[in-house]
Amino acid sequence: MEKQLLTMAHIAKQLNLAESTARFYRDRFENFIPSVGEGRKKRYKPETVEVLRFIAEGFNRNLTAMDIEDGLSRMVAMNIEFEEATATTTAAAQQQSKSEPNQYALQLQFAVEQMSVTIQIIADQKEQIAELRKHVAVIENRQQEQQEYINSKLEERDQQIMESIREIQEVKNQLAATKQEKWWKFWK
C-alpha cells in the first residue's frame, strides 16, 4: 500500500501543475483530498489525482470555489477527522458494552439519529444555496435590464444634444447670412 501513496510533488507533475498551485488546491479543498499520515509524512491516495484534476479544470472554466466544492461534494466523500473523540467514544463504548449491551445499542441509535439530523441540515443548506443562486440570477438579470435602460436613455440624450447643436448651428448660420446681407445693403 505504501507504494500506491503519492507525494504532492508527484501529483503536481502528473497534472502538469506548479507544485504551489497543487498545494493551494489541496489546502483550499482539504476536506475532499484523500490522504494518509500527517505533516511531512503526509501522502496522498491515487484518487487525489482525479480530485485535483477536477479542481484545476473547474478553475480553468472560471467556476467559483463554491461551485467546485459543490461538484466535489457529489463526487467524493469528505474527510472528517474524529481521532480524539473517536478514541474516547470507542473506549467508553467498549467499557459500557461489557456491562450494559443495551447501552451500546442506544448510543449507536443516537449516533445514527444525529447523522440523520446532520444530513437533513446539509440538505436544507443545499436548498437554501440553490434559492440564493436563483435570487442572485434574478438580481443580475435586473441589473442587466437597468444597464440597457440607462444605455438607451443616454443614447436618446446624445441624440437630443446633437439635434440641439445642429439647430444652434443653423441659427448661427442664418444670423451670419443676415449680417452679411445687411452689410451688402449698406454698401449699395
N, C-alpha and C. Protein backbone atom coordinates (compact mmCIF):
# COMPACT_ATOMS: atom_id res chain seq x y z
N MET A 1 0.82 -1.19 0.00
CA MET A 1 0.00 0.00 0.00
C MET A 1 0.87 1.25 0.00
N GLU A 2 2.03 1.19 0.63
CA GLU A 2 2.92 2.34 0.72
C GLU A 2 3.36 2.80 -0.67
N LYS A 3 3.52 1.85 -1.63
CA LYS A 3 3.95 2.21 -2.98
C LYS A 3 2.85 2.97 -3.73
N GLN A 4 1.60 2.77 -3.36
CA GLN A 4 0.49 3.43 -4.05
C GLN A 4 0.33 4.88 -3.60
N LEU A 5 0.84 5.23 -2.46
CA LEU A 5 0.69 6.59 -1.95
C LEU A 5 1.61 7.54 -2.70
N LEU A 6 1.15 8.77 -2.92
CA LEU A 6 1.88 9.75 -3.72
C LEU A 6 2.21 10.98 -2.90
N THR A 7 3.26 11.67 -3.33
CA THR A 7 3.58 12.97 -2.73
C THR A 7 2.87 14.06 -3.54
N MET A 8 2.78 15.23 -2.97
CA MET A 8 2.13 16.34 -3.68
C MET A 8 2.96 16.72 -4.91
N ALA A 9 4.28 16.63 -4.81
CA ALA A 9 5.14 16.95 -5.95
C ALA A 9 4.85 16.00 -7.12
N HIS A 10 4.69 14.71 -6.80
CA HIS A 10 4.41 13.71 -7.84
C HIS A 10 3.05 13.97 -8.49
N ILE A 11 2.06 14.31 -7.68
CA ILE A 11 0.72 14.59 -8.21
C ILE A 11 0.76 15.83 -9.10
N ALA A 12 1.46 16.87 -8.65
CA ALA A 12 1.55 18.11 -9.44
C ALA A 12 2.21 17.82 -10.79
N LYS A 13 3.22 16.98 -10.77
CA LYS A 13 3.92 16.63 -12.02
C LYS A 13 2.98 15.88 -12.96
N GLN A 14 2.18 14.94 -12.42
CA GLN A 14 1.23 14.19 -13.23
C GLN A 14 0.21 15.10 -13.88
N LEU A 15 -0.21 16.14 -13.16
CA LEU A 15 -1.24 17.04 -13.65
C LEU A 15 -0.67 18.23 -14.43
N ASN A 16 0.66 18.28 -14.52
CA ASN A 16 1.33 19.38 -15.20
C ASN A 16 0.96 20.72 -14.56
N LEU A 17 0.96 20.74 -13.22
CA LEU A 17 0.67 21.94 -12.44
C LEU A 17 1.91 22.34 -11.66
N ALA A 18 2.00 23.61 -11.34
CA ALA A 18 3.04 24.03 -10.41
C ALA A 18 2.72 23.41 -9.06
N GLU A 19 3.74 22.99 -8.35
CA GLU A 19 3.50 22.35 -7.05
C GLU A 19 2.79 23.30 -6.09
N SER A 20 3.11 24.58 -6.18
CA SER A 20 2.45 25.56 -5.30
C SER A 20 0.96 25.64 -5.61
N THR A 21 0.62 25.52 -6.88
CA THR A 21 -0.80 25.54 -7.28
C THR A 21 -1.51 24.31 -6.74
N ALA A 22 -0.87 23.15 -6.88
CA ALA A 22 -1.46 21.90 -6.37
C ALA A 22 -1.65 21.99 -4.85
N ARG A 23 -0.67 22.57 -4.17
CA ARG A 23 -0.79 22.72 -2.72
C ARG A 23 -1.91 23.70 -2.35
N PHE A 24 -2.05 24.76 -3.14
CA PHE A 24 -3.14 25.72 -2.90
C PHE A 24 -4.48 25.00 -3.03
N TYR A 25 -4.65 24.21 -4.10
CA TYR A 25 -5.89 23.47 -4.30
C TYR A 25 -6.11 22.49 -3.13
N ARG A 26 -5.04 21.83 -2.72
CA ARG A 26 -5.15 20.89 -1.60
C ARG A 26 -5.61 21.60 -0.34
N ASP A 27 -5.00 22.75 -0.04
CA ASP A 27 -5.35 23.47 1.17
C ASP A 27 -6.75 24.05 1.11
N ARG A 28 -7.15 24.54 -0.07
CA ARG A 28 -8.48 25.17 -0.22
C ARG A 28 -9.60 24.13 -0.10
N PHE A 29 -9.35 22.91 -0.62
CA PHE A 29 -10.38 21.87 -0.63
C PHE A 29 -9.92 20.66 0.19
N GLU A 30 -9.30 20.94 1.32
CA GLU A 30 -8.69 19.92 2.17
C GLU A 30 -9.64 18.80 2.55
N ASN A 31 -10.91 19.13 2.77
CA ASN A 31 -11.87 18.11 3.20
C ASN A 31 -12.18 17.07 2.13
N PHE A 32 -11.75 17.33 0.89
CA PHE A 32 -12.05 16.40 -0.20
C PHE A 32 -10.80 15.66 -0.69
N ILE A 33 -9.66 15.92 -0.07
CA ILE A 33 -8.40 15.32 -0.52
C ILE A 33 -8.10 14.07 0.30
N PRO A 34 -8.14 12.89 -0.33
CA PRO A 34 -7.85 11.65 0.40
C PRO A 34 -6.35 11.55 0.72
N SER A 35 -6.02 11.45 2.00
CA SER A 35 -4.62 11.42 2.39
C SER A 35 -4.41 10.46 3.56
N VAL A 36 -3.13 10.17 3.79
CA VAL A 36 -2.73 9.29 4.89
C VAL A 36 -1.55 9.96 5.59
N GLY A 37 -1.53 9.92 6.90
CA GLY A 37 -0.42 10.48 7.66
C GLY A 37 -0.62 11.96 7.93
N GLU A 38 0.41 12.54 8.59
CA GLU A 38 0.34 13.95 8.94
C GLU A 38 1.67 14.61 8.72
N GLY A 39 1.63 15.93 8.60
CA GLY A 39 2.86 16.71 8.47
C GLY A 39 3.66 16.34 7.24
N ARG A 40 4.99 16.23 7.42
CA ARG A 40 5.88 15.92 6.30
C ARG A 40 5.71 14.49 5.80
N LYS A 41 5.10 13.64 6.63
CA LYS A 41 4.90 12.24 6.23
C LYS A 41 3.57 12.03 5.52
N LYS A 42 2.83 13.11 5.31
CA LYS A 42 1.52 13.01 4.68
C LYS A 42 1.69 12.57 3.23
N ARG A 43 0.93 11.57 2.85
CA ARG A 43 0.93 11.06 1.48
C ARG A 43 -0.51 11.00 1.00
N TYR A 44 -0.66 10.94 -0.30
CA TYR A 44 -1.99 11.05 -0.90
C TYR A 44 -2.34 9.79 -1.67
N LYS A 45 -3.61 9.43 -1.55
CA LYS A 45 -4.11 8.25 -2.24
C LYS A 45 -4.20 8.55 -3.73
N PRO A 46 -4.14 7.52 -4.58
CA PRO A 46 -4.16 7.73 -6.03
C PRO A 46 -5.38 8.54 -6.52
N GLU A 47 -6.52 8.41 -5.85
CA GLU A 47 -7.70 9.15 -6.30
C GLU A 47 -7.56 10.66 -6.12
N THR A 48 -6.54 11.09 -5.37
CA THR A 48 -6.28 12.52 -5.19
C THR A 48 -5.98 13.18 -6.53
N VAL A 49 -5.35 12.43 -7.43
CA VAL A 49 -5.02 12.98 -8.75
C VAL A 49 -6.29 13.45 -9.45
N GLU A 50 -7.32 12.61 -9.44
CA GLU A 50 -8.58 12.97 -10.11
C GLU A 50 -9.29 14.12 -9.41
N VAL A 51 -9.20 14.15 -8.09
CA VAL A 51 -9.83 15.24 -7.34
C VAL A 51 -9.16 16.57 -7.71
N LEU A 52 -7.83 16.60 -7.71
CA LEU A 52 -7.11 17.83 -8.06
C LEU A 52 -7.31 18.20 -9.53
N ARG A 53 -7.44 17.20 -10.39
CA ARG A 53 -7.70 17.47 -11.81
C ARG A 53 -9.07 18.16 -11.95
N PHE A 54 -10.06 17.66 -11.21
CA PHE A 54 -11.40 18.25 -11.23
C PHE A 54 -11.35 19.70 -10.76
N ILE A 55 -10.60 19.95 -9.68
CA ILE A 55 -10.47 21.31 -9.14
C ILE A 55 -9.80 22.23 -10.17
N ALA A 56 -8.69 21.77 -10.77
CA ALA A 56 -7.96 22.59 -11.75
C ALA A 56 -8.84 22.90 -12.95
N GLU A 57 -9.57 21.90 -13.44
CA GLU A 57 -10.45 22.12 -14.59
C GLU A 57 -11.57 23.09 -14.23
N GLY A 58 -12.07 22.99 -13.00
CA GLY A 58 -13.11 23.92 -12.56
C GLY A 58 -12.61 25.36 -12.58
N PHE A 59 -11.41 25.58 -12.06
CA PHE A 59 -10.87 26.93 -12.06
C PHE A 59 -10.58 27.40 -13.49
N ASN A 60 -10.13 26.47 -14.35
CA ASN A 60 -9.88 26.82 -15.75
C ASN A 60 -11.17 27.22 -16.47
N ARG A 61 -12.30 26.67 -16.04
CA ARG A 61 -13.60 27.02 -16.64
C ARG A 61 -14.23 28.21 -15.91
N ASN A 62 -13.45 28.89 -15.06
CA ASN A 62 -13.90 30.07 -14.31
C ASN A 62 -15.05 29.78 -13.36
N LEU A 63 -15.09 28.56 -12.81
CA LEU A 63 -16.09 28.25 -11.79
C LEU A 63 -15.64 28.88 -10.47
N THR A 64 -16.59 29.17 -9.62
CA THR A 64 -16.23 29.70 -8.30
C THR A 64 -15.81 28.53 -7.41
N ALA A 65 -15.13 28.84 -6.33
CA ALA A 65 -14.72 27.81 -5.38
C ALA A 65 -15.94 27.10 -4.81
N MET A 66 -17.02 27.85 -4.65
CA MET A 66 -18.26 27.27 -4.13
C MET A 66 -18.84 26.24 -5.12
N ASP A 67 -18.79 26.57 -6.43
CA ASP A 67 -19.27 25.64 -7.45
C ASP A 67 -18.41 24.37 -7.47
N ILE A 68 -17.11 24.56 -7.37
CA ILE A 68 -16.20 23.41 -7.37
C ILE A 68 -16.46 22.55 -6.14
N GLU A 69 -16.63 23.19 -4.99
CA GLU A 69 -16.90 22.45 -3.76
C GLU A 69 -18.21 21.67 -3.87
N ASP A 70 -19.20 22.27 -4.49
CA ASP A 70 -20.48 21.60 -4.69
C ASP A 70 -20.29 20.36 -5.57
N GLY A 71 -19.51 20.51 -6.64
CA GLY A 71 -19.23 19.37 -7.51
C GLY A 71 -18.45 18.28 -6.79
N LEU A 72 -17.49 18.70 -5.97
CA LEU A 72 -16.70 17.72 -5.21
C LEU A 72 -17.56 16.97 -4.21
N SER A 73 -18.53 17.68 -3.62
CA SER A 73 -19.37 17.01 -2.62
C SER A 73 -20.21 15.91 -3.27
N ARG A 74 -20.47 16.05 -4.57
CA ARG A 74 -21.20 14.99 -5.28
C ARG A 74 -20.27 13.88 -5.74
N MET A 75 -19.01 14.24 -5.91
CA MET A 75 -18.04 13.30 -6.49
C MET A 75 -17.29 12.49 -5.44
N VAL A 76 -16.94 13.10 -4.33
CA VAL A 76 -16.07 12.45 -3.34
C VAL A 76 -16.65 12.59 -1.94
N ALA A 77 -16.33 11.65 -1.10
CA ALA A 77 -16.72 11.75 0.31
C ALA A 77 -15.77 12.72 1.00
N MET A 78 -16.29 13.48 1.96
CA MET A 78 -15.47 14.43 2.69
C MET A 78 -14.65 13.72 3.75
N ASN A 79 -13.45 14.23 4.01
CA ASN A 79 -12.60 13.73 5.08
C ASN A 79 -12.96 14.48 6.35
N ILE A 80 -13.35 13.77 7.37
CA ILE A 80 -13.65 14.41 8.65
C ILE A 80 -12.86 13.66 9.70
N GLU A 81 -12.08 14.40 10.48
CA GLU A 81 -11.23 13.77 11.48
C GLU A 81 -11.92 13.75 12.83
N PHE A 82 -11.96 12.57 13.42
CA PHE A 82 -12.58 12.39 14.72
C PHE A 82 -11.64 11.64 15.66
N GLU A 83 -10.35 11.78 15.52
CA GLU A 83 -9.40 10.93 16.24
C GLU A 83 -9.63 10.91 17.74
N GLU A 84 -9.56 12.08 18.40
CA GLU A 84 -9.69 12.10 19.85
C GLU A 84 -11.08 11.70 20.29
N ALA A 85 -12.08 12.28 19.66
CA ALA A 85 -13.45 11.97 20.04
C ALA A 85 -13.75 10.49 19.79
N THR A 86 -13.25 9.96 18.70
CA THR A 86 -13.50 8.56 18.37
C THR A 86 -12.82 7.63 19.37
N ALA A 87 -11.58 7.94 19.74
CA ALA A 87 -10.88 7.10 20.70
C ALA A 87 -11.60 7.10 22.05
N THR A 88 -12.03 8.27 22.49
CA THR A 88 -12.75 8.38 23.76
C THR A 88 -14.09 7.66 23.68
N THR A 89 -14.80 7.89 22.59
CA THR A 89 -16.11 7.26 22.43
C THR A 89 -15.97 5.75 22.33
N THR A 90 -14.94 5.28 21.61
CA THR A 90 -14.73 3.84 21.47
C THR A 90 -14.41 3.21 22.82
N ALA A 91 -13.53 3.84 23.58
CA ALA A 91 -13.17 3.31 24.89
C ALA A 91 -14.39 3.27 25.80
N ALA A 92 -15.17 4.33 25.79
CA ALA A 92 -16.37 4.37 26.63
C ALA A 92 -17.37 3.31 26.17
N ALA A 93 -17.52 3.16 24.87
CA ALA A 93 -18.47 2.18 24.35
C ALA A 93 -18.04 0.76 24.70
N GLN A 94 -16.71 0.50 24.62
CA GLN A 94 -16.23 -0.83 24.96
C GLN A 94 -16.46 -1.13 26.43
N GLN A 95 -16.19 -0.14 27.26
CA GLN A 95 -16.38 -0.34 28.71
C GLN A 95 -17.85 -0.55 29.03
N GLN A 96 -18.72 0.23 28.40
CA GLN A 96 -20.14 0.09 28.67
C GLN A 96 -20.71 -1.17 28.04
N SER A 97 -20.16 -1.58 26.90
CA SER A 97 -20.71 -2.77 26.23
C SER A 97 -20.46 -4.03 27.07
N LYS A 98 -19.39 -4.01 27.85
CA LYS A 98 -19.14 -5.17 28.71
C LYS A 98 -20.19 -5.26 29.81
N SER A 99 -20.57 -4.08 30.33
CA SER A 99 -21.50 -4.09 31.45
C SER A 99 -22.95 -3.99 31.00
N GLU A 100 -23.20 -3.20 29.97
CA GLU A 100 -24.58 -3.00 29.53
C GLU A 100 -24.67 -3.06 28.01
N PRO A 101 -25.00 -4.20 27.44
CA PRO A 101 -25.10 -4.33 25.99
C PRO A 101 -26.16 -3.41 25.39
N ASN A 102 -27.26 -3.19 26.10
CA ASN A 102 -28.31 -2.32 25.57
C ASN A 102 -27.86 -0.87 25.47
N GLN A 103 -26.98 -0.46 26.37
CA GLN A 103 -26.47 0.92 26.35
C GLN A 103 -25.73 1.19 25.06
N TYR A 104 -24.94 0.22 24.58
CA TYR A 104 -24.19 0.38 23.32
C TYR A 104 -25.16 0.54 22.16
N ALA A 105 -26.21 -0.23 22.13
CA ALA A 105 -27.22 -0.14 21.08
C ALA A 105 -27.90 1.23 21.12
N LEU A 106 -28.16 1.75 22.31
CA LEU A 106 -28.77 3.07 22.44
C LEU A 106 -27.84 4.17 21.92
N GLN A 107 -26.55 4.03 22.26
CA GLN A 107 -25.59 5.01 21.78
C GLN A 107 -25.48 4.97 20.26
N LEU A 108 -25.48 3.78 19.71
CA LEU A 108 -25.41 3.63 18.27
C LEU A 108 -26.66 4.24 17.61
N GLN A 109 -27.81 3.99 18.19
CA GLN A 109 -29.05 4.56 17.66
C GLN A 109 -29.01 6.09 17.73
N PHE A 110 -28.50 6.62 18.85
CA PHE A 110 -28.38 8.06 19.00
C PHE A 110 -27.44 8.64 17.93
N ALA A 111 -26.33 7.96 17.70
CA ALA A 111 -25.37 8.42 16.68
C ALA A 111 -26.01 8.43 15.29
N VAL A 112 -26.78 7.39 14.98
CA VAL A 112 -27.46 7.32 13.69
C VAL A 112 -28.48 8.46 13.57
N GLU A 113 -29.21 8.72 14.65
CA GLU A 113 -30.17 9.82 14.63
C GLU A 113 -29.47 11.16 14.42
N GLN A 114 -28.34 11.34 15.08
CA GLN A 114 -27.58 12.58 14.91
C GLN A 114 -27.08 12.73 13.48
N MET A 115 -26.63 11.63 12.90
CA MET A 115 -26.19 11.67 11.50
C MET A 115 -27.36 12.02 10.59
N SER A 116 -28.51 11.46 10.88
CA SER A 116 -29.71 11.76 10.08
C SER A 116 -30.05 13.24 10.16
N VAL A 117 -30.00 13.80 11.36
CA VAL A 117 -30.27 15.22 11.54
C VAL A 117 -29.24 16.06 10.77
N THR A 118 -27.98 15.66 10.86
CA THR A 118 -26.92 16.38 10.15
C THR A 118 -27.14 16.33 8.65
N ILE A 119 -27.50 15.18 8.14
CA ILE A 119 -27.76 15.04 6.70
C ILE A 119 -28.92 15.94 6.29
N GLN A 120 -29.95 16.01 7.12
CA GLN A 120 -31.09 16.87 6.82
C GLN A 120 -30.69 18.34 6.81
N ILE A 121 -29.84 18.72 7.76
CA ILE A 121 -29.35 20.10 7.81
C ILE A 121 -28.58 20.42 6.53
N ILE A 122 -27.73 19.50 6.11
CA ILE A 122 -26.95 19.70 4.89
C ILE A 122 -27.88 19.84 3.68
N ALA A 123 -28.91 18.98 3.62
CA ALA A 123 -29.87 19.06 2.51
C ALA A 123 -30.59 20.41 2.52
N ASP A 124 -30.98 20.87 3.71
CA ASP A 124 -31.64 22.17 3.83
C ASP A 124 -30.71 23.30 3.38
N GLN A 125 -29.45 23.20 3.76
CA GLN A 125 -28.48 24.23 3.36
C GLN A 125 -28.29 24.23 1.85
N LYS A 126 -28.27 23.06 1.25
CA LYS A 126 -28.13 23.00 -0.21
C LYS A 126 -29.34 23.64 -0.88
N GLU A 127 -30.53 23.42 -0.33
CA GLU A 127 -31.73 24.06 -0.88
C GLU A 127 -31.62 25.58 -0.75
N GLN A 128 -31.16 26.03 0.41
CA GLN A 128 -31.02 27.48 0.61
C GLN A 128 -30.00 28.06 -0.36
N ILE A 129 -28.92 27.33 -0.58
CA ILE A 129 -27.91 27.79 -1.53
C ILE A 129 -28.50 27.88 -2.93
N ALA A 130 -29.30 26.88 -3.31
CA ALA A 130 -29.94 26.90 -4.63
C ALA A 130 -30.88 28.11 -4.75
N GLU A 131 -31.63 28.37 -3.70
CA GLU A 131 -32.53 29.53 -3.71
C GLU A 131 -31.73 30.83 -3.81
N LEU A 132 -30.63 30.92 -3.09
CA LEU A 132 -29.80 32.12 -3.15
C LEU A 132 -29.22 32.31 -4.55
N ARG A 133 -28.83 31.21 -5.17
CA ARG A 133 -28.31 31.30 -6.53
C ARG A 133 -29.38 31.81 -7.49
N LYS A 134 -30.61 31.33 -7.32
CA LYS A 134 -31.71 31.82 -8.15
C LYS A 134 -31.92 33.31 -7.92
N HIS A 135 -31.88 33.71 -6.64
CA HIS A 135 -32.07 35.12 -6.30
C HIS A 135 -30.96 35.98 -6.92
N VAL A 136 -29.75 35.51 -6.87
CA VAL A 136 -28.63 36.24 -7.46
C VAL A 136 -28.83 36.35 -8.97
N ALA A 137 -29.31 35.28 -9.61
CA ALA A 137 -29.57 35.31 -11.06
C ALA A 137 -30.63 36.35 -11.39
N VAL A 138 -31.69 36.43 -10.58
CA VAL A 138 -32.74 37.43 -10.80
C VAL A 138 -32.16 38.84 -10.67
N ILE A 139 -31.36 39.04 -9.65
CA ILE A 139 -30.75 40.36 -9.43
C ILE A 139 -29.83 40.72 -10.59
N GLU A 140 -29.06 39.74 -11.07
CA GLU A 140 -28.17 40.01 -12.20
C GLU A 140 -28.98 40.36 -13.45
N ASN A 141 -30.11 39.68 -13.66
CA ASN A 141 -30.96 40.00 -14.81
C ASN A 141 -31.52 41.41 -14.69
N ARG A 142 -31.97 41.77 -13.49
CA ARG A 142 -32.48 43.13 -13.27
C ARG A 142 -31.40 44.16 -13.51
N GLN A 143 -30.22 43.86 -13.06
CA GLN A 143 -29.11 44.78 -13.24
C GLN A 143 -28.81 44.95 -14.74
N GLN A 144 -28.86 43.85 -15.48
CA GLN A 144 -28.64 43.91 -16.93
C GLN A 144 -29.71 44.77 -17.60
N GLU A 145 -30.98 44.57 -17.20
CA GLU A 145 -32.08 45.36 -17.76
C GLU A 145 -31.89 46.85 -17.44
N GLN A 146 -31.49 47.15 -16.21
CA GLN A 146 -31.26 48.54 -15.82
C GLN A 146 -30.14 49.16 -16.65
N GLN A 147 -29.09 48.38 -16.87
CA GLN A 147 -27.96 48.90 -17.65
C GLN A 147 -28.40 49.17 -19.09
N GLU A 148 -29.22 48.29 -19.65
CA GLU A 148 -29.73 48.51 -21.00
C GLU A 148 -30.62 49.75 -21.05
N TYR A 149 -31.46 49.94 -20.02
CA TYR A 149 -32.32 51.12 -19.94
C TYR A 149 -31.48 52.39 -19.88
N ILE A 150 -30.46 52.37 -19.02
CA ILE A 150 -29.57 53.53 -18.88
C ILE A 150 -28.89 53.83 -20.21
N ASN A 151 -28.40 52.78 -20.88
CA ASN A 151 -27.73 52.99 -22.16
C ASN A 151 -28.67 53.59 -23.20
N SER A 152 -29.93 53.12 -23.23
CA SER A 152 -30.88 53.67 -24.20
C SER A 152 -31.19 55.14 -23.88
N LYS A 153 -31.33 55.47 -22.61
CA LYS A 153 -31.60 56.86 -22.22
C LYS A 153 -30.40 57.76 -22.55
N LEU A 154 -29.20 57.25 -22.36
CA LEU A 154 -28.01 58.03 -22.71
C LEU A 154 -27.95 58.27 -24.22
N GLU A 155 -28.32 57.25 -24.97
CA GLU A 155 -28.33 57.39 -26.43
C GLU A 155 -29.37 58.43 -26.86
N GLU A 156 -30.56 58.39 -26.25
CA GLU A 156 -31.59 59.39 -26.55
C GLU A 156 -31.09 60.79 -26.21
N ARG A 157 -30.46 60.93 -25.05
CA ARG A 157 -29.93 62.23 -24.63
C ARG A 157 -28.89 62.74 -25.62
N ASP A 158 -28.00 61.82 -26.05
CA ASP A 158 -26.96 62.21 -27.01
C ASP A 158 -27.58 62.68 -28.32
N GLN A 159 -28.64 62.00 -28.76
CA GLN A 159 -29.32 62.40 -30.00
C GLN A 159 -29.96 63.77 -29.84
N GLN A 160 -30.58 64.03 -28.69
CA GLN A 160 -31.19 65.34 -28.43
C GLN A 160 -30.13 66.43 -28.41
N ILE A 161 -29.00 66.16 -27.81
CA ILE A 161 -27.91 67.14 -27.75
C ILE A 161 -27.41 67.44 -29.17
N MET A 162 -27.24 66.38 -29.97
CA MET A 162 -26.76 66.58 -31.34
C MET A 162 -27.78 67.40 -32.14
N GLU A 163 -29.07 67.11 -31.96
CA GLU A 163 -30.12 67.88 -32.65
C GLU A 163 -30.08 69.34 -32.22
N SER A 164 -29.90 69.58 -30.93
CA SER A 164 -29.81 70.96 -30.42
C SER A 164 -28.59 71.68 -31.01
N ILE A 165 -27.50 70.98 -31.10
CA ILE A 165 -26.28 71.58 -31.68
C ILE A 165 -26.51 71.94 -33.14
N ARG A 166 -27.17 71.04 -33.90
CA ARG A 166 -27.47 71.32 -35.31
C ARG A 166 -28.37 72.56 -35.43
N GLU A 167 -29.40 72.65 -34.57
CA GLU A 167 -30.30 73.80 -34.60
C GLU A 167 -29.56 75.09 -34.28
N ILE A 168 -28.70 75.04 -33.29
CA ILE A 168 -27.91 76.22 -32.92
C ILE A 168 -27.01 76.62 -34.08
N GLN A 169 -26.39 75.63 -34.72
CA GLN A 169 -25.50 75.90 -35.84
C GLN A 169 -26.30 76.52 -37.00
N GLU A 170 -27.50 76.02 -37.21
CA GLU A 170 -28.35 76.56 -38.27
C GLU A 170 -28.73 78.01 -37.98
N VAL A 171 -29.12 78.30 -36.74
CA VAL A 171 -29.45 79.68 -36.35
C VAL A 171 -28.23 80.57 -36.50
N LYS A 172 -27.09 80.06 -36.11
CA LYS A 172 -25.84 80.83 -36.22
C LYS A 172 -25.55 81.16 -37.69
N ASN A 173 -25.75 80.17 -38.56
CA ASN A 173 -25.53 80.41 -39.99
C ASN A 173 -26.52 81.43 -40.53
N GLN A 174 -27.78 81.36 -40.08
CA GLN A 174 -28.79 82.32 -40.52
C GLN A 174 -28.42 83.73 -40.06
N LEU A 175 -27.95 83.86 -38.81
CA LEU A 175 -27.53 85.17 -38.30
C LEU A 175 -26.36 85.72 -39.11
N ALA A 176 -25.42 84.86 -39.41
CA ALA A 176 -24.27 85.30 -40.20
C ALA A 176 -24.71 85.75 -41.58
N ALA A 177 -25.64 85.01 -42.19
CA ALA A 177 -26.14 85.37 -43.52
C ALA A 177 -26.88 86.70 -43.45
N THR A 178 -27.67 86.91 -42.39
CA THR A 178 -28.41 88.15 -42.23
C THR A 178 -27.45 89.32 -42.06
N LYS A 179 -26.41 89.17 -41.27
CA LYS A 179 -25.41 90.23 -41.06
C LYS A 179 -24.73 90.58 -42.38
N GLN A 180 -24.42 89.55 -43.14
CA GLN A 180 -23.72 89.77 -44.40
C GLN A 180 -24.66 90.49 -45.37
N GLU A 181 -25.93 90.13 -45.35
CA GLU A 181 -26.92 90.76 -46.21
C GLU A 181 -27.06 92.24 -45.86
N LYS A 182 -27.12 92.55 -44.59
CA LYS A 182 -27.22 93.94 -44.15
C LYS A 182 -25.96 94.72 -44.54
N TRP A 183 -24.85 94.09 -44.45
CA TRP A 183 -23.59 94.72 -44.81
C TRP A 183 -23.57 95.10 -46.28
N TRP A 184 -24.07 94.17 -47.12
CA TRP A 184 -24.09 94.46 -48.56
C TRP A 184 -25.08 95.55 -48.88
N LYS A 185 -26.18 95.59 -48.19
CA LYS A 185 -27.18 96.64 -48.44
C LYS A 185 -26.60 98.01 -48.05
N PHE A 186 -25.80 98.02 -47.02
CA PHE A 186 -25.20 99.26 -46.57
C PHE A 186 -24.27 99.83 -47.64
N TRP A 187 -23.54 98.98 -48.31
CA TRP A 187 -22.56 99.43 -49.31
C TRP A 187 -23.21 99.73 -50.65
N LYS A 188 -24.40 99.27 -50.88
CA LYS A 188 -25.04 99.51 -52.18
C LYS A 188 -25.58 100.85 -52.26
